[in-house]
């Protein structure tokens, strides 16, 4: 069986890459500042979820 900590970090990395792609598209369509804000909000949401899962 796979190591759950390894899977956790793989999923966190994949979500971070997805957030970068989404933020890039938002930044292209709505402006650079809105893209950065989108990334920060999504990343904080992911960190809060990760801390909730690990606690």
C-alpha atoms as a PDB file:
ATOM      1  CA  UNK A   1       0.000   0.000   0.000  1.00  0.00           C
ATOM      2  CA  UNK A   2       1.234   3.506  -0.825  1.00  0.00           C
ATOM      3  CA  UNK A   3       2.551   5.821   1.823  1.00  0.00           C
ATOM      4  CA  UNK A   4      -0.254   8.243   2.732  1.00  0.00           C
ATOM      5  CA  UNK A   5       2.149  11.100   3.465  1.00  0.00           C
ATOM      6  CA  UNK A   6       3.649  10.712  -0.010  1.00  0.00           C
ATOM      7  CA  UNK A   7       0.192  10.754  -1.589  1.00  0.00           C
ATOM      8  CA  UNK A   8      -0.722  13.830   0.446  1.00  0.00           C
ATOM      9  CA  UNK A   9       2.264  15.797  -0.877  1.00  0.00           C
ATOM     10  CA  UNK A  10       1.701  14.602  -4.445  1.00  0.00           C
ATOM     11  CA  UNK A  11      -1.898  15.797  -4.254  1.00  0.00           C
ATOM     12  CA  UNK A  12      -0.826  19.127  -2.718  1.00  0.00           C
ATOM     13  CA  UNK A  13       1.664  19.635  -5.549  1.00  0.00           C
ATOM     14  CA  UNK A  14      -0.907  18.760  -8.202  1.00  0.00           C
ATOM     15  CA  UNK A  15      -3.429  21.178  -6.697  1.00  0.00           C
ATOM     16  CA  UNK A  16      -0.805  23.926  -6.557  1.00  0.00           C
ATOM     17  CA  UNK A  17      -0.043  23.438 -10.256  1.00  0.00           C
ATOM     18  CA  UNK A  18      -3.764  23.522 -11.028  1.00  0.00           C
ATOM     19  CA  UNK A  19      -4.111  26.761  -9.045  1.00  0.00           C
ATOM     20  CA  UNK A  20      -1.214  28.285 -11.005  1.00  0.00           C
ATOM     21  CA  UNK A  21      -2.908  27.405 -14.314  1.00  0.00           C
ATOM     22  CA  UNK A  22      -6.293  28.741 -13.193  1.00  0.00           C
ATOM     23  CA  UNK A  23      -4.680  31.925 -11.865  1.00  0.00           C
ATOM     24  CA  UNK A  24      -2.776  32.401 -15.112  1.00  0.00           C
ATOM     25  CA  UNK A  25      -5.981  32.248 -17.136  1.00  0.00           C
ATOM     26  CA  UNK A  26      -7.721  34.614 -14.711  1.00  0.00           C
ATOM     27  CA  UNK A  27      -4.726  36.931 -14.921  1.00  0.00           C
ATOM     28  CA  UNK A  28      -4.836  36.914 -18.715  1.00  0.00           C
ATOM     29  CA  UNK A  29      -8.524  37.707 -18.850  1.00  0.00           C
ATOM     30  CA  UNK A  30      -9.004  40.020 -15.862  1.00  0.00           C
ATOM     31  CA  UNK A  31      -5.577  41.470 -15.147  1.00  0.00           C
ATOM     32  CA  UNK A  32      -2.421  40.506 -13.288  1.00  0.00           C
ATOM     33  CA  UNK A  33      -3.611  41.678  -9.875  1.00  0.00           C
ATOM     34  CA  UNK A  34      -6.808  39.616 -10.052  1.00  0.00           C
ATOM     35  CA  UNK A  35      -4.782  36.543 -11.073  1.00  0.00           C
ATOM     36  CA  UNK A  36      -2.490  36.909  -8.053  1.00  0.00           C
ATOM     37  CA  UNK A  37      -5.466  37.395  -5.747  1.00  0.00           C
ATOM     38  CA  UNK A  38      -7.083  34.264  -7.206  1.00  0.00           C
ATOM     39  CA  UNK A  39      -3.937  32.224  -6.586  1.00  0.00           C
ATOM     40  CA  UNK A  40      -3.578  33.471  -3.009  1.00  0.00           C
ATOM     41  CA  UNK A  41      -7.216  32.719  -2.176  1.00  0.00           C
ATOM     42  CA  UNK A  42      -7.083  29.221  -3.685  1.00  0.00           C
ATOM     43  CA  UNK A  43      -3.744  28.453  -1.998  1.00  0.00           C
ATOM     44  CA  UNK A  44      -5.002  29.596   1.428  1.00  0.00           C
ATOM     45  CA  UNK A  45      -8.130  27.484   0.920  1.00  0.00           C
ATOM     46  CA  UNK A  46      -5.945  24.457   0.130  1.00  0.00           C
ATOM     47  CA  UNK A  47      -3.713  25.043   3.165  1.00  0.00           C
ATOM     48  CA  UNK A  48      -6.733  25.370   5.452  1.00  0.00           C
ATOM     49  CA  UNK A  49      -8.114  22.104   4.093  1.00  0.00           C
ATOM     50  CA  UNK A  50      -4.752  20.384   4.510  1.00  0.00           C
ATOM     51  CA  UNK A  51      -4.442  21.536   8.097  1.00  0.00           C
ATOM     52  CA  UNK A  52      -7.992  20.380   8.785  1.00  0.00           C
ATOM     53  CA  UNK A  53      -7.294  16.938   7.286  1.00  0.00           C
ATOM     54  CA  UNK A  54      -3.971  16.469   9.103  1.00  0.00           C
ATOM     55  CA  UNK A  55      -5.297  17.607  12.506  1.00  0.00           C
END
